[in-house]
Structures are given as structure tokens and as C-alpha cells.
PDB file of N, CA and C in Angstrom:
ATOM      1  N   MET A   1       0.823  -1.201   0.000  1.00  0.00           N
ATOM      2  CA  MET A   1       0.000   0.000   0.000  1.00  0.00           C
ATOM      3  C   MET A   1       0.863   1.259   0.000  1.00  0.00           C
ATOM      4  N   ILE A   2       1.926   1.254   0.808  1.00  0.00           N
ATOM      5  CA  ILE A   2       2.817   2.409   0.876  1.00  0.00           C
ATOM      6  C   ILE A   2       3.546   2.601  -0.446  1.00  0.00           C
ATOM      7  N   ASP A   3       3.899   1.490  -1.126  1.00  0.00           N
ATOM      8  CA  ASP A   3       4.568   1.592  -2.419  1.00  0.00           C
ATOM      9  C   ASP A   3       3.671   2.251  -3.458  1.00  0.00           C
ATOM     10  N   ILE A   4       2.386   1.924  -3.421  1.00  0.00           N
ATOM     11  CA  ILE A   4       1.440   2.520  -4.366  1.00  0.00           C
ATOM     12  C   ILE A   4       1.325   4.020  -4.114  1.00  0.00           C
ATOM     13  N   LEU A   5       1.220   4.414  -2.859  1.00  0.00           N
ATOM     14  CA  LEU A   5       1.119   5.825  -2.505  1.00  0.00           C
ATOM     15  C   LEU A   5       2.395   6.576  -2.883  1.00  0.00           C
ATOM     16  N   THR A   6       3.529   5.999  -2.585  1.00  0.00           N
ATOM     17  CA  THR A   6       4.810   6.611  -2.930  1.00  0.00           C
ATOM     18  C   THR A   6       4.958   6.757  -4.434  1.00  0.00           C
ATOM     19  N   ASN A   7       4.570   5.715  -5.162  1.00  0.00           N
ATOM     20  CA  ASN A   7       4.642   5.752  -6.623  1.00  0.00           C
ATOM     21  C   ASN A   7       3.713   6.819  -7.192  1.00  0.00           C
ATOM     22  N   THR A   8       2.517   6.942  -6.635  1.00  0.00           N
ATOM     23  CA  THR A   8       1.556   7.948  -7.095  1.00  0.00           C
ATOM     24  C   THR A   8       2.085   9.357  -6.849  1.00  0.00           C
ATOM     25  N   ILE A   9       2.635   9.599  -5.684  1.00  0.00           N
ATOM     26  CA  ILE A   9       3.190  10.924  -5.374  1.00  0.00           C
ATOM     27  C   ILE A   9       4.379  11.221  -6.277  1.00  0.00           C
ATOM     28  N   GLN A  10       5.252  10.253  -6.495  1.00  0.00           N
ATOM     29  CA  GLN A  10       6.420  10.431  -7.352  1.00  0.00           C
ATOM     30  C   GLN A  10       5.993  10.744  -8.787  1.00  0.00           C
ATOM     31  N   THR A  11       5.018  10.026  -9.292  1.00  0.00           N
ATOM     32  CA  THR A  11       4.532  10.254 -10.652  1.00  0.00           C
ATOM     33  C   THR A  11       3.907  11.639 -10.780  1.00  0.00           C
ATOM     34  N   THR A  12       3.157  12.058  -9.775  1.00  0.00           N
ATOM     35  CA  THR A  12       2.537  13.381  -9.786  1.00  0.00           C
ATOM     36  C   THR A  12       3.587  14.475  -9.792  1.00  0.00           C
ATOM     37  N   LEU A  13       4.595  14.347  -8.951  1.00  0.00           N
ATOM     38  CA  LEU A  13       5.650  15.357  -8.889  1.00  0.00           C
ATOM     39  C   LEU A  13       6.453  15.426 -10.187  1.00  0.00           C
ATOM     40  N   GLU A  14       6.624  14.292 -10.851  1.00  0.00           N
ATOM     41  CA  GLU A  14       7.365  14.258 -12.110  1.00  0.00           C
ATOM     42  C   GLU A  14       6.528  14.772 -13.284  1.00  0.00           C
ATOM     43  N   SER A  15       5.209  14.819 -13.127  1.00  0.00           N
ATOM     44  CA  SER A  15       4.329  15.241 -14.218  1.00  0.00           C
ATOM     45  C   SER A  15       4.163  16.743 -14.318  1.00  0.00           C
ATOM     46  N   PHE A  16       4.617  17.483 -13.310  1.00  0.00           N
ATOM     47  CA  PHE A  16       4.450  18.930 -13.291  1.00  0.00           C
ATOM     48  C   PHE A  16       5.782  19.614 -13.009  1.00  0.00           C
ATOM     49  N   ASP A  17       5.907  20.835 -13.500  1.00  0.00           N
ATOM     50  CA  ASP A  17       7.057  21.677 -13.175  1.00  0.00           C
ATOM     51  C   ASP A  17       6.513  22.867 -12.394  1.00  0.00           C
ATOM     52  N   PHE A  18       6.678  22.815 -11.088  1.00  0.00           N
ATOM     53  CA  PHE A  18       6.095  23.838 -10.229  1.00  0.00           C
ATOM     54  C   PHE A  18       6.774  25.191 -10.411  1.00  0.00           C
ATOM     55  N   ALA A  19       8.030  25.201 -10.842  1.00  0.00           N
ATOM     56  CA  ALA A  19       8.707  26.463 -11.158  1.00  0.00           C
ATOM     57  C   ALA A  19       8.013  27.137 -12.346  1.00  0.00           C
ATOM     58  N   PHE A  20       7.594  26.348 -13.320  1.00  0.00           N
ATOM     59  CA  PHE A  20       6.855  26.872 -14.463  1.00  0.00           C
ATOM     60  C   PHE A  20       5.587  27.581 -13.992  1.00  0.00           C
ATOM     61  N   CYS A  21       4.865  26.933 -13.088  1.00  0.00           N
ATOM     62  CA  CYS A  21       3.620  27.519 -12.567  1.00  0.00           C
ATOM     63  C   CYS A  21       3.891  28.832 -11.837  1.00  0.00           C
ATOM     64  N   LEU A  22       4.932  28.863 -11.027  1.00  0.00           N
ATOM     65  CA  LEU A  22       5.274  30.098 -10.318  1.00  0.00           C
ATOM     66  C   LEU A  22       5.685  31.202 -11.284  1.00  0.00           C
ATOM     67  N   ILE A  23       6.502  30.869 -12.261  1.00  0.00           N
ATOM     68  CA  ILE A  23       6.946  31.861 -13.247  1.00  0.00           C
ATOM     69  C   ILE A  23       5.751  32.434 -13.989  1.00  0.00           C
ATOM     70  N   VAL A  24       4.861  31.566 -14.444  1.00  0.00           N
ATOM     71  CA  VAL A  24       3.675  32.029 -15.181  1.00  0.00           C
ATOM     72  C   VAL A  24       2.824  32.944 -14.315  1.00  0.00           C
ATOM     73  N   ASN A  25       2.587  32.558 -13.087  1.00  0.00           N
ATOM     74  CA  ASN A  25       1.736  33.361 -12.213  1.00  0.00           C
ATOM     75  C   ASN A  25       2.379  34.693 -11.847  1.00  0.00           C
ATOM     76  N   ILE A  26       3.666  34.684 -11.558  1.00  0.00           N
ATOM     77  CA  ILE A  26       4.346  35.934 -11.196  1.00  0.00           C
ATOM     78  C   ILE A  26       4.431  36.877 -12.388  1.00  0.00           C
ATOM     79  N   LEU A  27       4.802  36.362 -13.566  1.00  0.00           N
ATOM     80  CA  LEU A  27       4.864  37.212 -14.758  1.00  0.00           C
ATOM     81  C   LEU A  27       3.494  37.785 -15.117  1.00  0.00           C
ATOM     82  N   THR A  28       2.476  36.957 -15.035  1.00  0.00           N
ATOM     83  CA  THR A  28       1.121  37.429 -15.320  1.00  0.00           C
ATOM     84  C   THR A  28       0.721  38.529 -14.353  1.00  0.00           C
ATOM     85  N   TYR A  29       1.005  38.330 -13.089  1.00  0.00           N
ATOM     86  CA  TYR A  29       0.681  39.310 -12.053  1.00  0.00           C
ATOM     87  C   TYR A  29       1.397  40.632 -12.322  1.00  0.00           C
ATOM     88  N   ILE A  30       2.687  40.568 -12.655  1.00  0.00           N
ATOM     89  CA  ILE A  30       3.465  41.785 -12.919  1.00  0.00           C
ATOM     90  C   ILE A  30       2.957  42.499 -14.164  1.00  0.00           C
ATOM     91  N   ILE A  31       2.701  41.766 -15.229  1.00  0.00           N
ATOM     92  CA  ILE A  31       2.225  42.387 -16.473  1.00  0.00           C
ATOM     93  C   ILE A  31       0.873  43.057 -16.261  1.00  0.00           C
ATOM     94  N   ILE A  32      -0.032  42.391 -15.559  1.00  0.00           N
ATOM     95  CA  ILE A  32      -1.342  42.997 -15.294  1.00  0.00           C
ATOM     96  C   ILE A  32      -1.187  44.232 -14.422  1.00  0.00           C
ATOM     97  N   LYS A  33      -0.295  44.191 -13.460  1.00  0.00           N
ATOM     98  CA  LYS A  33      -0.064  45.345 -12.585  1.00  0.00           C
ATOM     99  C   LYS A  33       0.479  46.527 -13.381  1.00  0.00           C
ATOM    100  N   VAL A  34       1.458  46.291 -14.222  1.00  0.00           N
ATOM    101  CA  VAL A  34       2.025  47.362 -15.054  1.00  0.00           C
ATOM    102  C   VAL A  34       0.956  47.900 -15.994  1.00  0.00           C
ATOM    103  N   TRP A  35       0.196  47.009 -16.609  1.00  0.00           N
ATOM    104  CA  TRP A  35      -0.870  47.418 -17.517  1.00  0.00           C
ATOM    105  C   TRP A  35      -1.898  48.275 -16.784  1.00  0.00           C
ATOM    106  N   ASP A  36      -2.263  47.857 -15.585  1.00  0.00           N
ATOM    107  CA  ASP A  36      -3.241  48.595 -14.792  1.00  0.00           C
ATOM    108  C   ASP A  36      -2.729  49.987 -14.450  1.00  0.00           C
ATOM    109  N   GLU A  37      -1.464  50.107 -14.090  1.00  0.00           N
ATOM    110  CA  GLU A  37      -0.916  51.412 -13.735  1.00  0.00           C
ATOM    111  C   GLU A  37      -0.784  52.313 -14.954  1.00  0.00           C
ATOM    112  N   LYS A  38      -0.444  51.761 -16.090  1.00  0.00           N
ATOM    113  CA  LYS A  38      -0.307  52.553 -17.319  1.00  0.00           C
ATOM    114  C   LYS A  38      -1.660  52.873 -17.938  1.00  0.00           C
ATOM    115  N   ASN A  39      -2.678  52.090 -17.585  1.00  0.00           N
ATOM    116  CA  ASN A  39      -4.012  52.231 -18.166  1.00  0.00           C
ATOM    117  C   ASN A  39      -4.807  53.375 -17.544  1.00  0.00           C
ATOM    118  N   GLY A  40      -4.385  53.872 -16.411  1.00  0.00           N
ATOM    119  CA  GLY A  40      -5.088  54.975 -15.761  1.00  0.00           C
ATOM    120  C   GLY A  40      -6.370  54.520 -15.102  1.00  0.00           C
ATOM    121  N   ASN A  41      -7.454  55.219 -15.399  1.00  0.00           N
ATOM    122  CA  ASN A  41      -8.741  54.940 -14.759  1.00  0.00           C
ATOM    123  C   ASN A  41      -9.496  53.775 -15.368  1.00  0.00           C
ATOM    124  N   LYS A  42      -9.072  53.296 -16.539  1.00  0.00           N
ATOM    125  CA  LYS A  42      -9.761  52.179 -17.182  1.00  0.00           C
ATOM    126  C   LYS A  42      -9.477  50.876 -16.432  1.00  0.00           C
ATOM    127  N   VAL A  43     -10.503  50.066 -16.302  1.00  0.00           N
ATOM    128  CA  VAL A  43     -10.388  48.785 -15.606  1.00  0.00           C
ATOM    129  C   VAL A  43      -9.840  47.739 -16.571  1.00  0.00           C
ATOM    130  N   VAL A  44      -8.895  46.933 -16.097  1.00  0.00           N
ATOM    131  CA  VAL A  44      -8.409  45.801 -16.871  1.00  0.00           C
ATOM    132  C   VAL A  44      -9.448  44.698 -16.734  1.00  0.00           C
ATOM    133  N   THR A  45     -10.056  44.323 -17.851  1.00  0.00           N
ATOM    134  CA  THR A  45     -11.157  43.369 -17.818  1.00  0.00           C
ATOM    135  C   THR A  45     -10.657  41.940 -17.563  1.00  0.00           C
ATOM    136  N   THR A  46     -11.583  41.091 -17.203  1.00  0.00           N
ATOM    137  CA  THR A  46     -11.263  39.687 -16.960  1.00  0.00           C
ATOM    138  C   THR A  46     -10.697  39.036 -18.215  1.00  0.00           C
ATOM    139  N   TRP A  47     -11.276  39.355 -19.375  1.00  0.00           N
ATOM    140  CA  TRP A  47     -10.791  38.756 -20.622  1.00  0.00           C
ATOM    141  C   TRP A  47      -9.401  39.243 -20.971  1.00  0.00           C
ATOM    142  N   GLN A  48      -9.086  40.490 -20.642  1.00  0.00           N
ATOM    143  CA  GLN A  48      -7.729  40.982 -20.862  1.00  0.00           C
ATOM    144  C   GLN A  48      -6.746  40.254 -19.948  1.00  0.00           C
ATOM    145  N   LYS A  49      -7.136  40.020 -18.716  1.00  0.00           N
ATOM    146  CA  LYS A  49      -6.286  39.281 -17.785  1.00  0.00           C
ATOM    147  C   LYS A  49      -6.078  37.846 -18.268  1.00  0.00           C
ATOM    148  N   ARG A  50      -7.121  37.233 -18.770  1.00  0.00           N
ATOM    149  CA  ARG A  50      -6.999  35.863 -19.285  1.00  0.00           C
ATOM    150  C   ARG A  50      -6.120  35.820 -20.525  1.00  0.00           C
ATOM    151  N   SER A  51      -6.223  36.856 -21.343  1.00  0.00           N
ATOM    152  CA  SER A  51      -5.373  36.933 -22.538  1.00  0.00           C
ATOM    153  C   SER A  51      -3.901  37.068 -22.155  1.00  0.00           C
ATOM    154  N   VAL A  52      -3.633  37.867 -21.131  1.00  0.00           N
ATOM    155  CA  VAL A  52      -2.259  38.000 -20.635  1.00  0.00           C
ATOM    156  C   VAL A  52      -1.767  36.654 -20.121  1.00  0.00           C
ATOM    157  N   LEU A  53      -2.604  35.960 -19.345  1.00  0.00           N
ATOM    158  CA  LEU A  53      -2.239  34.640 -18.827  1.00  0.00           C
ATOM    159  C   LEU A  53      -1.914  33.683 -19.970  1.00  0.00           C
ATOM    160  N   LEU A  54      -2.754  33.651 -20.989  1.00  0.00           N
ATOM    161  CA  LEU A  54      -2.532  32.761 -22.123  1.00  0.00           C
ATOM    162  C   LEU A  54      -1.236  33.108 -22.853  1.00  0.00           C
ATOM    163  N   ALA A  55      -0.980  34.402 -23.058  1.00  0.00           N
ATOM    164  CA  ALA A  55       0.255  34.819 -23.731  1.00  0.00           C
ATOM    165  C   ALA A  55       1.486  34.432 -22.914  1.00  0.00           C
ATOM    166  N   VAL A  56       1.407  34.595 -21.600  1.00  0.00           N
ATOM    167  CA  VAL A  56       2.538  34.233 -20.732  1.00  0.00           C
ATOM    168  C   VAL A  56       2.741  32.720 -20.735  1.00  0.00           C
ATOM    169  N   ILE A  57       1.649  31.963 -20.680  1.00  0.00           N
ATOM    170  CA  ILE A  57       1.760  30.496 -20.723  1.00  0.00           C
ATOM    171  C   ILE A  57       2.408  30.061 -22.034  1.00  0.00           C
ATOM    172  N   LEU A  58       1.959  30.620 -23.150  1.00  0.00           N
ATOM    173  CA  LEU A  58       2.514  30.241 -24.453  1.00  0.00           C
ATOM    174  C   LEU A  58       3.988  30.615 -24.575  1.00  0.00           C
ATOM    175  N   SER A  59       4.335  31.836 -24.179  1.00  0.00           N
ATOM    176  CA  SER A  59       5.730  32.263 -24.312  1.00  0.00           C
ATOM    177  C   SER A  59       6.643  31.483 -23.363  1.00  0.00           C
ATOM    178  N   THR A  60       6.207  31.260 -22.148  1.00  0.00           N
ATOM    179  CA  THR A  60       7.006  30.486 -21.197  1.00  0.00           C
ATOM    180  C   THR A  60       7.103  29.025 -21.650  1.00  0.00           C
ATOM    181  N   GLY A  61       6.010  28.492 -22.169  1.00  0.00           N
ATOM    182  CA  GLY A  61       6.023  27.121 -22.681  1.00  0.00           C
ATOM    183  C   GLY A  61       6.978  26.945 -23.846  1.00  0.00           C
ATOM    184  N   VAL A  62       6.992  27.907 -24.750  1.00  0.00           N
ATOM    185  CA  VAL A  62       7.923  27.846 -25.889  1.00  0.00           C
ATOM    186  C   VAL A  62       9.366  27.910 -25.388  1.00  0.00           C
ATOM    187  N   LEU A  63       9.624  28.798 -24.438  1.00  0.00           N
ATOM    188  CA  LEU A  63      10.970  28.904 -23.872  1.00  0.00           C
ATOM    189  C   LEU A  63      11.384  27.590 -23.204  1.00  0.00           C
ATOM    190  N   TYR A  64      10.501  27.009 -22.433  1.00  0.00           N
ATOM    191  CA  TYR A  64      10.793  25.727 -21.783  1.00  0.00           C
ATOM    192  C   TYR A  64      11.038  24.634 -22.818  1.00  0.00           C
ATOM    193  N   TYR A  65      10.261  24.625 -23.904  1.00  0.00           N
ATOM    194  CA  TYR A  65      10.423  23.619 -24.947  1.00  0.00           C
ATOM    195  C   TYR A  65      11.769  23.773 -25.642  1.00  0.00           C
ATOM    196  N   VAL A  66      12.136  25.018 -25.947  1.00  0.00           N
ATOM    197  CA  VAL A  66      13.418  25.290 -26.601  1.00  0.00           C
ATOM    198  C   VAL A  66      14.579  24.859 -25.696  1.00  0.00           C
ATOM    199  N   LEU A  67      14.387  25.023 -24.391  1.00  0.00           N
ATOM    200  CA  LEU A  67      15.428  24.620 -23.444  1.00  0.00           C
ATOM    201  C   LEU A  67      15.480  23.108 -23.225  1.00  0.00           C
ATOM    202  N   GLY A  68      14.564  22.369 -23.865  1.00  0.00           N
ATOM    203  CA  GLY A  68      14.634  20.914 -23.842  1.00  0.00           C
ATOM    204  C   GLY A  68      13.773  20.210 -22.813  1.00  0.00           C
ATOM    205  N   ASN A  69      12.786  20.884 -22.274  1.00  0.00           N
ATOM    206  CA  ASN A  69      11.901  20.233 -21.312  1.00  0.00           C
ATOM    207  C   ASN A  69      10.880  19.353 -22.021  1.00  0.00           C
ATOM    208  N   ASN A  70      10.338  18.409 -21.294  1.00  0.00           N
ATOM    209  CA  ASN A  70       9.369  17.453 -21.797  1.00  0.00           C
ATOM    210  C   ASN A  70       8.055  18.151 -22.144  1.00  0.00           C
ATOM    211  N   THR A  71       7.528  17.895 -23.329  1.00  0.00           N
ATOM    212  CA  THR A  71       6.281  18.520 -23.785  1.00  0.00           C
ATOM    213  C   THR A  71       5.116  18.178 -22.869  1.00  0.00           C
ATOM    214  N   LYS A  72       5.040  16.945 -22.428  1.00  0.00           N
ATOM    215  CA  LYS A  72       3.947  16.513 -21.535  1.00  0.00           C
ATOM    216  C   LYS A  72       3.994  17.293 -20.218  1.00  0.00           C
ATOM    217  N   THR A  73       5.168  17.483 -19.679  1.00  0.00           N
ATOM    218  CA  THR A  73       5.322  18.231 -18.431  1.00  0.00           C
ATOM    219  C   THR A  73       4.937  19.698 -18.635  1.00  0.00           C
ATOM    220  N   ILE A  74       5.315  20.259 -19.769  1.00  0.00           N
ATOM    221  CA  ILE A  74       4.965  21.658 -20.069  1.00  0.00           C
ATOM    222  C   ILE A  74       3.451  21.811 -20.167  1.00  0.00           C
ATOM    223  N   LEU A  75       2.787  20.912 -20.878  1.00  0.00           N
ATOM    224  CA  LEU A  75       1.336  20.984 -21.018  1.00  0.00           C
ATOM    225  C   LEU A  75       0.633  20.789 -19.673  1.00  0.00           C
ATOM    226  N   ASN A  76       1.085  19.823 -18.897  1.00  0.00           N
ATOM    227  CA  ASN A  76       0.501  19.613 -17.569  1.00  0.00           C
ATOM    228  C   ASN A  76       0.672  20.850 -16.693  1.00  0.00           C
ATOM    229  N   SER A  77       1.846  21.454 -16.747  1.00  0.00           N
ATOM    230  CA  SER A  77       2.122  22.637 -15.939  1.00  0.00           C
ATOM    231  C   SER A  77       1.323  23.839 -16.429  1.00  0.00           C
ATOM    232  N   ALA A  78       1.116  23.940 -17.743  1.00  0.00           N
ATOM    233  CA  ALA A  78       0.307  25.025 -18.301  1.00  0.00           C
ATOM    234  C   ALA A  78      -1.140  24.922 -17.820  1.00  0.00           C
ATOM    235  N   ILE A  79      -1.624  23.719 -17.669  1.00  0.00           N
ATOM    236  CA  ILE A  79      -2.975  23.510 -17.142  1.00  0.00           C
ATOM    237  C   ILE A  79      -3.012  23.782 -15.645  1.00  0.00           C
ATOM    238  N   LEU A  80      -1.960  23.404 -14.948  1.00  0.00           N
ATOM    239  CA  LEU A  80      -1.916  23.583 -13.502  1.00  0.00           C
ATOM    240  C   LEU A  80      -1.749  25.044 -13.087  1.00  0.00           C
ATOM    241  N   ALA A  81      -1.079  25.855 -13.897  1.00  0.00           N
ATOM    242  CA  ALA A  81      -0.754  27.238 -13.506  1.00  0.00           C
ATOM    243  C   ALA A  81      -1.980  28.061 -13.105  1.00  0.00           C
ATOM    244  N   PRO A  82      -3.044  28.129 -13.916  1.00  0.00           N
ATOM    245  CA  PRO A  82      -4.201  28.910 -13.467  1.00  0.00           C
ATOM    246  C   PRO A  82      -4.933  28.283 -12.281  1.00  0.00           C
ATOM    247  N   VAL A  83      -4.906  26.963 -12.194  1.00  0.00           N
ATOM    248  CA  VAL A  83      -5.527  26.277 -11.053  1.00  0.00           C
ATOM    249  C   VAL A  83      -4.744  26.590  -9.787  1.00  0.00           C
ATOM    250  N   PHE A  84      -3.422  26.574  -9.894  1.00  0.00           N
ATOM    251  CA  PHE A  84      -2.554  26.902  -8.771  1.00  0.00           C
ATOM    252  C   PHE A  84      -2.826  28.327  -8.292  1.00  0.00           C
ATOM    253  N   TRP A  85      -3.020  29.239  -9.243  1.00  0.00           N
ATOM    254  CA  TRP A  85      -3.326  30.625  -8.869  1.00  0.00           C
ATOM    255  C   TRP A  85      -4.686  30.703  -8.175  1.00  0.00           C
ATOM    256  N   SER A  86      -5.707  30.111  -8.776  1.00  0.00           N
ATOM    257  CA  SER A  86      -7.068  30.230  -8.256  1.00  0.00           C
ATOM    258  C   SER A  86      -7.246  29.574  -6.895  1.00  0.00           C
ATOM    259  N   TRP A  87      -6.649  28.424  -6.688  1.00  0.00           N
ATOM    260  CA  TRP A  87      -6.902  27.654  -5.484  1.00  0.00           C
ATOM    261  C   TRP A  87      -5.897  27.889  -4.372  1.00  0.00           C
ATOM    262  N   ILE A  88      -4.678  28.311  -4.718  1.00  0.00           N
ATOM    263  CA  ILE A  88      -3.649  28.461  -3.688  1.00  0.00           C
ATOM    264  C   ILE A  88      -3.204  29.913  -3.535  1.00  0.00           C
ATOM    265  N   MET A  89      -2.693  30.515  -4.595  1.00  0.00           N
ATOM    266  CA  MET A  89      -2.104  31.845  -4.488  1.00  0.00           C
ATOM    267  C   MET A  89      -3.136  32.944  -4.234  1.00  0.00           C
ATOM    268  N   LYS A  90      -4.237  32.926  -4.956  1.00  0.00           N
ATOM    269  CA  LYS A  90      -5.250  33.976  -4.779  1.00  0.00           C
ATOM    270  C   LYS A  90      -5.825  33.975  -3.363  1.00  0.00           C
ATOM    271  N   PRO A  91      -6.203  32.808  -2.807  1.00  0.00           N
ATOM    272  CA  PRO A  91      -6.671  32.822  -1.411  1.00  0.00           C
ATOM    273  C   PRO A  91      -5.597  33.303  -0.432  1.00  0.00           C
ATOM    274  N   LEU A  92      -4.331  32.958  -0.682  1.00  0.00           N
ATOM    275  CA  LEU A  92      -3.254  33.453   0.180  1.00  0.00           C
ATOM    276  C   LEU A  92      -3.119  34.967   0.079  1.00  0.00           C
ATOM    277  N   CYS A  93      -3.202  35.495  -1.135  1.00  0.00           N
ATOM    278  CA  CYS A  93      -3.123  36.946  -1.322  1.00  0.00           C
ATOM    279  C   CYS A  93      -4.294  37.645  -0.626  1.00  0.00           C
ATOM    280  N   LYS A  94      -5.473  37.069  -0.733  1.00  0.00           N
ATOM    281  CA  LYS A  94      -6.626  37.655  -0.048  1.00  0.00           C
ATOM    282  C   LYS A  94      -6.457  37.594   1.467  1.00  0.00           C
ATOM    283  N   TYR A  95      -5.929  36.487   1.959  1.00  0.00           N
ATOM    284  CA  TYR A  95      -5.731  36.335   3.396  1.00  0.00           C
ATOM    285  C   TYR A  95      -4.757  37.392   3.928  1.00  0.00           C
ATOM    286  N   PHE A  96      -3.680  37.625   3.185  1.00  0.00           N
ATOM    287  CA  PHE A  96      -2.685  38.607   3.597  1.00  0.00           C
ATOM    288  C   PHE A  96      -2.993  40.018   3.083  1.00  0.00           C
ATOM    289  N   LYS A  97      -4.194  40.171   2.479  1.00  0.00           N
ATOM    290  CA  LYS A  97      -4.657  41.464   1.963  1.00  0.00           C
ATOM    291  C   LYS A  97      -3.675  42.067   0.958  1.00  0.00           C
ATOM    292  N   ILE A  98      -3.220  41.230   0.024  1.00  0.00           N
ATOM    293  CA  ILE A  98      -2.335  41.657  -1.053  1.00  0.00           C
ATOM    294  C   ILE A  98      -3.165  41.709  -2.328  1.00  0.00           C
ATOM    295  N   ASP A  99      -3.228  42.872  -2.950  1.00  0.00           N
ATOM    296  CA  ASP A  99      -3.947  43.032  -4.204  1.00  0.00           C
ATOM    297  C   ASP A  99      -3.054  43.819  -5.150  1.00  0.00           C
ATOM    298  N   TYR A 100      -3.081  43.485  -6.438  1.00  0.00           N
ATOM    299  CA  TYR A 100      -2.192  44.157  -7.364  1.00  0.00           C
ATOM    300  C   TYR A 100      -2.484  45.660  -7.458  1.00  0.00           C
ATOM    301  N   LYS A 101      -3.700  46.068  -7.092  1.00  0.00           N
ATOM    302  CA  LYS A 101      -4.025  47.489  -7.131  1.00  0.00           C
ATOM    303  C   LYS A 101      -3.423  48.249  -5.941  1.00  0.00           C
ATOM    304  N   ASP A 102      -3.062  47.528  -4.884  1.00  0.00           N
ATOM    305  CA  ASP A 102      -2.486  48.156  -3.706  1.00  0.00           C
ATOM    306  C   ASP A 102      -0.983  48.356  -3.805  1.00  0.00           C
ATOM    307  N   ILE A 103      -0.320  47.653  -4.733  1.00  0.00           N
ATOM    308  CA  ILE A 103       1.136  47.726  -4.865  1.00  0.00           C
ATOM    309  C   ILE A 103       1.479  48.782  -5.907  1.00  0.00           C
ATOM    310  N   ASN A 104       2.354  49.708  -5.562  1.00  0.00           N
ATOM    311  CA  ASN A 104       2.791  50.751  -6.484  1.00  0.00           C
ATOM    312  C   ASN A 104       4.194  50.429  -6.993  1.00  0.00           C
ATOM    313  N   LEU A 105       4.278  50.099  -8.268  1.00  0.00           N
ATOM    314  CA  LEU A 105       5.559  49.749  -8.849  1.00  0.00           C
ATOM    315  C   LEU A 105       6.394  50.966  -9.245  1.00  0.00           C
ATOM    316  N   PHE A 106       5.722  52.060  -9.545  1.00  0.00           N
ATOM    317  CA  PHE A 106       6.410  53.209 -10.110  1.00  0.00           C
ATOM    318  C   PHE A 106       6.537  54.373  -9.138  1.00  0.00           C
ATOM    319  N   GLU A 107       6.687  54.111  -7.878  1.00  0.00           N
ATOM    320  CA  GLU A 107       6.879  55.181  -6.887  1.00  0.00           C
ATOM    321  C   GLU A 107       8.302  55.268  -6.460  1.00  0.00           C
TER     322      GLU A 107
END
């Protein structure tokens, strides 16, 4: 039973690149923050944020592929990145009262 559990955890950890997920989420957060500050009073819409996320996932995925990473791992991590943000990072940011609108990058 322990071997099955250990094997399952090992396979799960090998199927994802958690650094990829962090890079995607941090870059997306920074780009949206810069866009929001440069945009003035206009609100950055949900679809614009999703478009930024998709562009960051694609560009980071291409970079990872060029560097020789496994395509399956890249695709799994690309799927995990928004889930990781929604279920883990966003609740943590809310708990610590961190919002991209509260951080001033250009001061």
C-alpha cells in the first residue's frame, strides 16, 4: 500500500514543473499590474487578464520547450498554472490582503 502511494506521489511530482507555474503566475501578475498602472482609470477586464495569462503560458512554454523540457510536463504545468493561482495563491493573497491594485511599482 505504501509503495502505491509513494509511486503515485512520485509520478505526480514528475508530471508537473512547479517552477513553471510560479513563473507564469508571477509574470502574469506583474504584467497585469504594469498594464493597470499605465491604463489609468480604465479597468483591466477579466478577458484581458486571461489573454495575458494565455500569452505568458505560451511564451514560457515555448521557452521551456526550446530549453529541452518534456512537452507533456509543459502541457501539464500550463494547465496547472491557473488552477494553482485560483486555489492556492489567490486565497493566500486575499488572506494577507495583497492586491495588485495596492502595490505601487512606479513610486
